[in-house]
C-alpha atoms as a PDB file:
ATOM      1  CA  MET A   1     175.355 208.595  -8.483  1.00  0.00           C
ATOM      2  CA  LEU A   2     171.595 209.202  -8.742  1.00  0.00           C
ATOM      3  CA  PRO A   3     169.197 207.890  -6.070  1.00  0.00           C
ATOM      4  CA  LEU A   4     165.835 206.372  -6.915  1.00  0.00           C
ATOM      5  CA  GLY A   5     163.249 208.989  -7.813  1.00  0.00           C
ATOM      6  CA  LYS A   6     165.825 211.671  -8.682  1.00  0.00           C
ATOM      7  CA  THR A   7     166.620 210.564 -12.250  1.00  0.00           C
ATOM      8  CA  PHE A   8     164.197 213.044 -13.746  1.00  0.00           C
ATOM      9  CA  HIS A   9     165.988 216.003 -12.173  1.00  0.00           C
ATOM     10  CA  ILE A  10     168.654 215.752 -14.880  1.00  0.00           C
ATOM     11  CA  ALA A  11     167.672 216.876 -18.332  1.00  0.00           C
ATOM     12  CA  PRO A  12     170.812 217.338 -20.457  1.00  0.00           C
ATOM     13  CA  SER A  13     170.918 215.222 -23.591  1.00  0.00           C
ATOM     14  CA  ASN A  14     174.685 214.635 -23.456  1.00  0.00           C
ATOM     15  CA  VAL A  15     174.762 212.416 -20.340  1.00  0.00           C
ATOM     16  CA  ASP A  16     177.079 209.433 -20.898  1.00  0.00           C
ATOM     17  CA  THR A  17     176.536 207.360 -17.751  1.00  0.00           C
ATOM     18  CA  ILE A  18     173.975 207.073 -14.951  1.00  0.00           C
ATOM     19  CA  PHE A  19     174.739 205.213 -11.707  1.00  0.00           C
ATOM     20  CA  LEU A  20     171.481 204.101 -10.134  1.00  0.00           C
ATOM     21  CA  TYR A  21     170.672 202.627  -6.740  1.00  0.00           C
ATOM     22  CA  SER A  22     167.313 201.861  -5.069  1.00  0.00           C
ATOM     23  CA  SER A  23     165.735 203.305  -1.981  1.00  0.00           C
ATOM     24  CA  LEU A  24     165.707 201.361   1.281  1.00  0.00           C
ATOM     25  CA  ILE A  25     162.003 202.176   1.542  1.00  0.00           C
ATOM     26  CA  ALA A  26     161.378 198.726   0.066  1.00  0.00           C
ATOM     27  CA  LEU A  27     162.168 197.267   3.480  1.00  0.00           C
ATOM     28  CA  MET A  28     159.055 198.867   4.938  1.00  0.00           C
ATOM     29  CA  CYS A  29     156.361 198.963   2.277  1.00  0.00           C
ATOM     30  CA  GLY A  30     155.709 195.398   1.147  1.00  0.00           C
ATOM     31  CA  ASN A  31     154.104 194.448  -2.185  1.00  0.00           C
ATOM     32  CA  ILE A  32     152.780 197.913  -3.023  1.00  0.00           C
ATOM     33  CA  CYS A  33     156.230 199.434  -2.695  1.00  0.00           C
ATOM     34  CA  LEU A  34     157.792 196.652  -4.755  1.00  0.00           C
ATOM     35  CA  ILE A  35     155.370 197.379  -7.585  1.00  0.00           C
ATOM     36  CA  ARG A  36     156.135 201.101  -7.288  1.00  0.00           C
ATOM     37  CA  LEU A  37     159.887 200.429  -7.420  1.00  0.00           C
ATOM     38  CA  SER A  38     159.524 198.218 -10.501  1.00  0.00           C
ATOM     39  CA  SER A  39     157.413 200.872 -12.189  1.00  0.00           C
ATOM     40  CA  LYS A  40     159.994 203.531 -11.313  1.00  0.00           C
ATOM     41  CA  HIS A  41     162.788 201.428 -12.819  1.00  0.00           C
ATOM     42  CA  THR A  42     160.769 201.117 -16.035  1.00  0.00           C
ATOM     43  CA  GLU A  43     160.375 204.900 -16.145  1.00  0.00           C
ATOM     44  CA  GLN A  44     164.116 205.310 -15.596  1.00  0.00           C
ATOM     45  CA  ILE A  45     164.891 202.881 -18.419  1.00  0.00           C
ATOM     46  CA  ASN A  46     162.593 204.794 -20.792  1.00  0.00           C
ATOM     47  CA  PHE A  47     164.107 208.101 -19.673  1.00  0.00           C
ATOM     48  CA  ALA A  48     167.662 206.890 -20.346  1.00  0.00           C
ATOM     49  CA  ILE A  49     166.690 205.589 -23.801  1.00  0.00           C
ATOM     50  CA  GLU A  50     164.870 208.817 -24.646  1.00  0.00           C
ATOM     51  CA  LYS A  51     167.863 210.938 -23.594  1.00  0.00           C
ATOM     52  CA  LYS A  52     170.251 208.628 -25.490  1.00  0.00           C
ATOM     53  CA  VAL A  53     172.299 207.921 -22.369  1.00  0.00           C
ATOM     54  CA  LYS A  54     175.159 205.612 -23.313  1.00  0.00           C
ATOM     55  CA  THR A  55     175.313 203.474 -20.158  1.00  0.00           C
ATOM     56  CA  VAL A  56     173.162 202.904 -17.065  1.00  0.00           C
ATOM     57  CA  ILE A  57     174.649 200.955 -14.132  1.00  0.00           C
ATOM     58  CA  GLY A  58     172.350 199.571 -11.450  1.00  0.00           C
ATOM     59  CA  ILE A  59     173.924 199.065  -8.015  1.00  0.00           C
ATOM     60  CA  SER A  60     172.577 195.750  -6.726  1.00  0.00           C
ATOM     61  CA  THR A  61     173.128 193.514  -3.705  1.00  0.00           C
ATOM     62  CA  ASP A  62     173.580 189.926  -2.597  1.00  0.00           C
ATOM     63  CA  LYS A  63     169.999 190.146  -1.311  1.00  0.00           C
ATOM     64  CA  ALA A  64     168.820 189.885  -4.935  1.00  0.00           C
ATOM     65  CA  THR A  65     170.089 186.285  -5.188  1.00  0.00           C
ATOM     66  CA  GLN A  66     168.211 183.141  -4.292  1.00  0.00           C
ATOM     67  CA  PRO A  67     166.736 182.629  -1.829  1.00  0.00           C
ATOM     68  CA  ILE A  68     165.310 186.156  -1.745  1.00  0.00           C
ATOM     69  CA  LYS A  69     164.187 186.730   1.839  1.00  0.00           C
ATOM     70  CA  ASN A  70     162.922 190.318   2.024  1.00  0.00           C
ATOM     71  CA  PHE A  71     161.315 193.026  -0.086  1.00  0.00           C
ATOM     72  CA  TYR A  72     164.550 194.938  -0.468  1.00  0.00           C
ATOM     73  CA  GLY A  73     165.933 191.840  -2.180  1.00  0.00           C
ATOM     74  CA  PHE A  74     162.835 191.579  -4.374  1.00  0.00           C
ATOM     75  CA  SER A  75     163.209 195.216  -5.458  1.00  0.00           C
ATOM     76  CA  LYS A  76     166.869 194.692  -6.372  1.00  0.00           C
ATOM     77  CA  ALA A  77     166.087 191.459  -8.247  1.00  0.00           C
ATOM     78  CA  ALA A  78     163.365 193.295 -10.170  1.00  0.00           C
ATOM     79  CA  MET A  79     165.848 196.030 -11.088  1.00  0.00           C
ATOM     80  CA  GLU A  80     168.352 193.455 -12.340  1.00  0.00           C
ATOM     81  CA  LYS A  81     165.786 191.682 -14.531  1.00  0.00           C
ATOM     82  CA  LEU A  82     164.436 194.925 -15.975  1.00  0.00           C
ATOM     83  CA  PHE A  83     167.915 196.297 -16.672  1.00  0.00           C
ATOM     84  CA  LEU A  84     169.240 193.163 -18.322  1.00  0.00           C
ATOM     85  CA  ASN A  85     166.166 192.742 -20.519  1.00  0.00           C
ATOM     86  CA  ALA A  86     166.195 196.424 -21.519  1.00  0.00           C
ATOM     87  CA  ASN A  87     169.277 195.807 -23.676  1.00  0.00           C
ATOM     88  CA  SER A  88     167.164 194.093 -26.316  1.00  0.00           C
ATOM     89  CA  ASN A  89     165.373 197.273 -27.353  1.00  0.00           C
ATOM     90  CA  SER A  90     167.833 200.170 -27.274  1.00  0.00           C
ATOM     91  CA  MET A  91     171.311 201.482 -27.992  1.00  0.00           C
ATOM     92  CA  THR A  92     171.711 202.341 -24.311  1.00  0.00           C
ATOM     93  CA  LYS A  93     173.718 199.757 -22.369  1.00  0.00           C
ATOM     94  CA  PHE A  94     172.087 198.602 -19.132  1.00  0.00           C
ATOM     95  CA  LEU A  95     174.072 196.541 -16.637  1.00  0.00           C
ATOM     96  CA  CYS A  96     174.366 195.891 -12.911  1.00  0.00           C
ATOM     97  CA  VAL A  97     177.060 195.390 -10.312  1.00  0.00           C
ATOM     98  CA  ARG A  98     176.314 193.206  -7.309  1.00  0.00           C
ATOM     99  CA  TYR A  99     178.026 193.129  -3.926  1.00  0.00           C
ATOM    100  CA  GLY A 100     177.220 192.731  -0.244  1.00  0.00           C
ATOM    101  CA  ASN A 101     177.956 195.059   2.657  1.00  0.00           C
ATOM    102  CA  VAL A 102     180.994 197.290   2.297  1.00  0.00           C
ATOM    103  CA  LEU A 103     183.311 197.415   5.320  1.00  0.00           C
ATOM    104  CA  GLY A 104     182.687 200.538   7.371  1.00  0.00           C
ATOM    105  CA  SER A 105     179.773 201.780   5.249  1.00  0.00           C
ATOM    106  CA  ARG A 106     176.494 202.957   6.759  1.00  0.00           C
ATOM    107  CA  GLY A 107     174.915 199.572   6.068  1.00  0.00           C
ATOM    108  CA  SER A 108     177.680 197.520   7.687  1.00  0.00           C
ATOM    109  CA  VAL A 109     177.867 196.335  11.284  1.00  0.00           C
ATOM    110  CA  ILE A 110     180.933 198.441  12.139  1.00  0.00           C
ATOM    111  CA  PRO A 111     179.063 201.613  13.236  1.00  0.00           C
ATOM    112  CA  LEU A 112     176.928 199.490  15.590  1.00  0.00           C
ATOM    113  CA  TRP A 113     180.018 197.862  17.079  1.00  0.00           C
ATOM    114  CA  ASP A 114     181.643 201.269  17.545  1.00  0.00           C
ATOM    115  CA  SER A 115     178.639 202.437  19.587  1.00  0.00           C
ATOM    116  CA  LYS A 116     178.876 199.326  21.798  1.00  0.00           C
ATOM    117  CA  ILE A 117     182.629 199.696  22.342  1.00  0.00           C
ATOM    118  CA  LYS A 118     182.172 203.323  23.450  1.00  0.00           C
ATOM    119  CA  LYS A 119     179.813 202.070  26.150  1.00  0.00           C
ATOM    120  CA  ASP A 120     182.017 199.072  27.078  1.00  0.00           C
ATOM    121  CA  LYS A 121     179.253 196.696  26.029  1.00  0.00           C
ATOM    122  CA  PRO A 122     179.636 193.291  24.308  1.00  0.00           C
ATOM    123  CA  LEU A 123     179.596 193.245  20.515  1.00  0.00           C
ATOM    124  CA  PRO A 124     176.388 191.692  19.126  1.00  0.00           C
ATOM    125  CA  VAL A 125     176.798 188.880  16.570  1.00  0.00           C
ATOM    126  CA  THR A 126     173.703 187.189  15.197  1.00  0.00           C
ATOM    127  CA  HIS A 127     175.060 183.665  14.551  1.00  0.00           C
ATOM    128  CA  PRO A 128     178.392 181.935  15.330  1.00  0.00           C
ATOM    129  CA  ASP A 129     178.647 180.374  11.831  1.00  0.00           C
ATOM    130  CA  MET A 130     177.684 183.474   9.848  1.00  0.00           C
ATOM    131  CA  THR A 131     180.128 184.402   7.076  1.00  0.00           C
ATOM    132  CA  ARG A 132     180.410 187.443   4.822  1.00  0.00           C
ATOM    133  CA  PHE A 133     182.607 188.542   1.940  1.00  0.00           C
ATOM    134  CA  MET A 134     185.169 191.203   2.781  1.00  0.00           C
ATOM    135  CA  LEU A 135     184.827 194.156   0.410  1.00  0.00           C
ATOM    136  CA  THR A 136     186.365 197.571   1.051  1.00  0.00           C
ATOM    137  CA  LEU A 137     184.964 200.851  -0.244  1.00  0.00           C
ATOM    138  CA  SER A 138     187.783 201.219  -2.782  1.00  0.00           C
ATOM    139  CA  GLU A 139     187.101 197.696  -4.089  1.00  0.00           C
ATOM    140  CA  ALA A 140     183.393 198.469  -4.468  1.00  0.00           C
ATOM    141  CA  ILE A 141     184.203 201.616  -6.446  1.00  0.00           C
ATOM    142  CA  HIS A 142     186.707 199.680  -8.564  1.00  0.00           C
ATOM    143  CA  LEU A 143     184.001 197.114  -9.387  1.00  0.00           C
ATOM    144  CA  VAL A 144     181.694 199.823 -10.722  1.00  0.00           C
ATOM    145  CA  PHE A 145     184.353 201.215 -13.050  1.00  0.00           C
ATOM    146  CA  TYR A 146     185.546 197.744 -14.064  1.00  0.00           C
ATOM    147  CA  ALA A 147     181.971 197.021 -15.148  1.00  0.00           C
ATOM    148  CA  LEU A 148     181.737 200.336 -16.978  1.00  0.00           C
ATOM    149  CA  ASN A 149     184.933 199.615 -18.920  1.00  0.00           C
ATOM    150  CA  ASN A 150     184.143 195.974 -19.747  1.00  0.00           C
ATOM    151  CA  THR A 151     180.421 195.847 -20.428  1.00  0.00           C
ATOM    152  CA  GLN A 152     178.770 194.871 -23.676  1.00  0.00           C
ATOM    153  CA  GLY A 153     175.366 195.528 -22.102  1.00  0.00           C
ATOM    154  CA  GLY A 154     173.143 193.075 -20.252  1.00  0.00           C
ATOM    155  CA  GLU A 155     175.510 191.710 -17.580  1.00  0.00           C
ATOM    156  CA  ILE A 156     175.797 191.572 -13.801  1.00  0.00           C
ATOM    157  CA  PHE A 157     179.368 192.067 -12.546  1.00  0.00           C
ATOM    158  CA  VAL A 158     180.545 190.470  -9.300  1.00  0.00           C
ATOM    159  CA  LYS A 159     183.976 190.906  -7.723  1.00  0.00           C
ATOM    160  CA  LYS A 160     185.696 187.884  -6.235  1.00  0.00           C
ATOM    161  CA  ALA A 161     186.581 188.473  -2.602  1.00  0.00           C
ATOM    162  CA  PRO A 162     187.788 186.617   0.481  1.00  0.00           C
ATOM    163  CA  ALA A 163     185.352 185.873   3.293  1.00  0.00           C
ATOM    164  CA  THR A 164     185.402 185.749   7.076  1.00  0.00           C
ATOM    165  CA  LYS A 165     183.300 184.584   9.964  1.00  0.00           C
ATOM    166  CA  ILE A 166     181.506 187.561  11.481  1.00  0.00           C
ATOM    167  CA  VAL A 167     182.430 186.394  14.965  1.00  0.00           C
ATOM    168  CA  ASP A 168     186.122 186.498  13.990  1.00  0.00           C
ATOM    169  CA  LEU A 169     185.636 189.947  12.475  1.00  0.00           C
ATOM    170  CA  ALA A 170     184.080 191.142  15.722  1.00  0.00           C
ATOM    171  CA  LYS A 171     186.925 189.769  17.848  1.00  0.00           C
ATOM    172  CA  VAL A 172     189.648 191.244  15.625  1.00  0.00           C
ATOM    173  CA  TYR A 173     187.908 194.615  15.356  1.00  0.00           C
ATOM    174  CA  ALA A 174     187.438 194.812  19.136  1.00  0.00           C
ATOM    175  CA  GLU A 175     191.095 193.951  19.728  1.00  0.00           C
ATOM    176  CA  ILE A 176     192.256 196.667  17.309  1.00  0.00           C
ATOM    177  CA  LYS A 177     189.976 199.261  18.893  1.00  0.00           C
ATOM    178  CA  THR A 178     190.472 198.336  22.581  1.00  0.00           C
ATOM    179  CA  GLY A 179     193.658 196.269  22.842  1.00  0.00           C
ATOM    180  CA  ASN A 180     191.619 193.498  24.492  1.00  0.00           C
ATOM    181  CA  ASP A 181     192.110 190.180  22.667  1.00  0.00           C
ATOM    182  CA  ASP A 182     189.219 188.629  24.611  1.00  0.00           C
ATOM    183  CA  TYR A 183     186.545 191.312  24.233  1.00  0.00           C
ATOM    184  CA  PRO A 184     183.070 189.907  25.044  1.00  0.00           C
ATOM    185  CA  ILE A 185     180.791 188.822  22.193  1.00  0.00           C
ATOM    186  CA  ASN A 186     177.025 188.510  22.588  1.00  0.00           C
ATOM    187  CA  LEU A 187     175.196 186.038  20.295  1.00  0.00           C
ATOM    188  CA  VAL A 188     171.782 187.612  19.679  1.00  0.00           C
ATOM    189  CA  GLY A 189     170.231 185.370  16.993  1.00  0.00           C
ATOM    190  CA  ARG A 190     169.462 186.004  13.340  1.00  0.00           C
ATOM    191  CA  ARG A 191     167.273 188.890  12.265  1.00  0.00           C
ATOM    192  CA  ALA A 192     164.233 188.245  10.061  1.00  0.00           C
ATOM    193  CA  GLY A 193     165.331 187.715   6.459  1.00  0.00           C
ATOM    194  CA  GLU A 194     169.029 187.445   7.329  1.00  0.00           C
ATOM    195  CA  LYS A 195     171.106 184.747   5.608  1.00  0.00           C
ATOM    196  CA  ILE A 196     173.809 182.710   7.328  1.00  0.00           C
ATOM    197  CA  HIS A 197     176.039 183.001   4.249  1.00  0.00           C
ATOM    198  CA  GLU A 198     176.271 185.701   1.601  1.00  0.00           C
ATOM    199  CA  VAL A 199     175.474 184.458  -1.930  1.00  0.00           C
ATOM    200  CA  LEU A 200     176.731 186.621  -4.804  1.00  0.00           C
ATOM    201  CA  VAL A 201     176.140 184.205  -7.704  1.00  0.00           C
ATOM    202  CA  SER A 202     173.407 181.579  -7.407  1.00  0.00           C
ATOM    203  CA  GLU A 203     173.730 178.034  -8.694  1.00  0.00           C
ATOM    204  CA  GLU A 204     171.340 178.783 -11.576  1.00  0.00           C
ATOM    205  CA  GLU A 205     173.240 181.939 -12.522  1.00  0.00           C
ATOM    206  CA  MET A 206     176.528 180.000 -12.671  1.00  0.00           C
ATOM    207  CA  ARG A 207     175.238 178.420 -15.895  1.00  0.00           C
ATOM    208  CA  ASN A 208     175.505 181.837 -17.552  1.00  0.00           C
ATOM    209  CA  VAL A 209     178.750 183.037 -15.976  1.00  0.00           C
ATOM    210  CA  LYS A 210     181.991 184.029 -17.610  1.00  0.00           C
ATOM    211  CA  GLU A 211     184.728 183.664 -15.017  1.00  0.00           C
ATOM    212  CA  MET A 212     187.563 186.188 -15.082  1.00  0.00           C
ATOM    213  CA  GLU A 213     190.654 186.324 -12.881  1.00  0.00           C
ATOM    214  CA  ASP A 214     189.081 188.611 -10.264  1.00  0.00           C
ATOM    215  CA  HIS A 215     185.439 188.778 -11.327  1.00  0.00           C
ATOM    216  CA  TYR A 216     182.358 186.848 -12.368  1.00  0.00           C
ATOM    217  CA  ILE A 217     180.301 188.242 -15.241  1.00  0.00           C
ATOM    218  CA  ILE A 218     176.717 186.961 -15.264  1.00  0.00           C
ATOM    219  CA  HIS A 219     175.104 187.108 -18.700  1.00  0.00           C
ATOM    220  CA  ARG A 220     171.400 187.383 -19.393  1.00  0.00           C
ATOM    221  CA  GLU A 221     169.547 184.102 -19.890  1.00  0.00           C
ATOM    222  CA  LEU A 222     168.605 183.276 -23.480  1.00  0.00           C
ATOM    223  CA  GLU A 223     165.403 181.645 -24.712  1.00  0.00           C
ATOM    224  CA  PHE A 224     165.867 177.970 -25.614  1.00  0.00           C
ATOM    225  CA  ASP A 225     169.606 178.143 -25.000  1.00  0.00           C
ATOM    226  CA  LEU A 226     170.983 174.862 -26.385  1.00  0.00           C
ATOM    227  CA  ASP A 227     174.480 175.662 -25.091  1.00  0.00           C
ATOM    228  CA  SER A 228     173.142 175.467 -21.532  1.00  0.00           C
ATOM    229  CA  LEU A 229     172.506 171.744 -22.063  1.00  0.00           C
ATOM    230  CA  LYS A 230     176.237 171.169 -22.435  1.00  0.00           C
ATOM    231  CA  LYS A 231     177.259 173.045 -19.304  1.00  0.00           C
ATOM    232  CA  GLU A 232     178.079 171.169 -16.139  1.00  0.00           C
ATOM    233  CA  ARG A 233     176.344 172.019 -12.909  1.00  0.00           C
ATOM    234  CA  LEU A 234     178.376 174.502 -10.862  1.00  0.00           C
ATOM    235  CA  SER A 235     178.102 175.413  -7.192  1.00  0.00           C
ATOM    236  CA  GLU A 236     176.905 178.836  -6.149  1.00  0.00           C
ATOM    237  CA  TYR A 237     179.477 181.490  -5.277  1.00  0.00           C
ATOM    238  CA  SER A 238     178.907 182.209  -1.604  1.00  0.00           C
ATOM    239  CA  SER A 239     180.894 183.215   1.460  1.00  0.00           C
ATOM    240  CA  ASP A 240     181.015 179.624   2.708  1.00  0.00           C
ATOM    241  CA  THR A 241     182.539 178.270  -0.533  1.00  0.00           C
ATOM    242  CA  VAL A 242     185.694 180.412  -0.528  1.00  0.00           C
ATOM    243  CA  PRO A 243     188.705 180.227   1.825  1.00  0.00           C
ATOM    244  CA  LEU A 244     188.181 182.160   5.045  1.00  0.00           C
ATOM    245  CA  ILE A 245     190.661 184.861   6.036  1.00  0.00           C
ATOM    246  CA  THR A 246     192.828 183.926   9.019  1.00  0.00           C
ATOM    247  CA  LYS A 247     192.674 186.175  12.068  1.00  0.00           C
ATOM    248  CA  PRO A 248     196.234 187.540  11.557  1.00  0.00           C
ATOM    249  CA  ASP A 249     195.455 188.397   7.914  1.00  0.00           C
ATOM    250  CA  LEU A 250     192.137 189.883   8.948  1.00  0.00           C
ATOM    251  CA  LYS A 251     193.897 192.062  11.488  1.00  0.00           C
ATOM    252  CA  ASN A 252     196.359 193.300   8.842  1.00  0.00           C
ATOM    253  CA  LEU A 253     193.500 194.050   6.454  1.00  0.00           C
ATOM    254  CA  MET A 254     191.592 196.017   9.080  1.00  0.00           C
ATOM    255  CA  LYS A 255     194.667 197.994  10.109  1.00  0.00           C
ATOM    256  CA  ASP A 256     195.165 199.089   6.487  1.00  0.00           C
ATOM    257  CA  LEU A 257     191.731 200.753   6.415  1.00  0.00           C
ATOM    258  CA  SER A 258     192.040 204.496   6.799  1.00  0.00           C
ATOM    259  CA  TRP A 259     188.898 204.881   8.959  1.00  0.00           C
ATOM    260  CA  ILE A 260     190.258 202.612  11.724  1.00  0.00           C
ATOM    261  CA  PRO A 261     192.594 204.597  14.030  1.00  0.00           C
END
């Protein structure tokens, strides 16, 4: 997997696939950084076409869906648009996968909770109604290779997943780690740009979705698409529109994760 800005360190002409993800620097730099990121993605697209790379997969995020609330989301949305539109002008296939936080990853809340538990402090939760999809690392990896094996070029792949309330996740995680089924929770309020619910497919995008058994495949919008006039209006795919995992099932899921002792 190649991080942003490192694409040009590979020069072989027989590269089949590039996995590309953006830098978190977009959180700090504002409009100037967003422009730089978009420009960098354009350079990466041209590089892949020049080197005759067969497939380029952009790793995107729920933050790229409407409403976009921070510059990290803007940078990911820009990547998606550039990648999907790049398929019109080359033999290289450009596509994206989109998911939210992965359980136990560096960007998830679990490492923070671990640090609080070690100090016997309450677990911080930003909002009592906040929900998130439950995606494990193995499921995130599977999504990438599912997309690679099923792409025609120009799609965004989303994996269907169950969801949970973050407050329930905190209580179950604390019980597993400490044995205390009434571990204290501290409601701290939402952070700037944070959504109450995780949206993986927006209402507008649902007009261009092909629904599979375990996935949604979002296709690129077409100019003057007459077929879109015939399509019924569909609700967005978000963590508050799917059944929530019960606490017993959540506990079983967490216990099956290898990084939880």
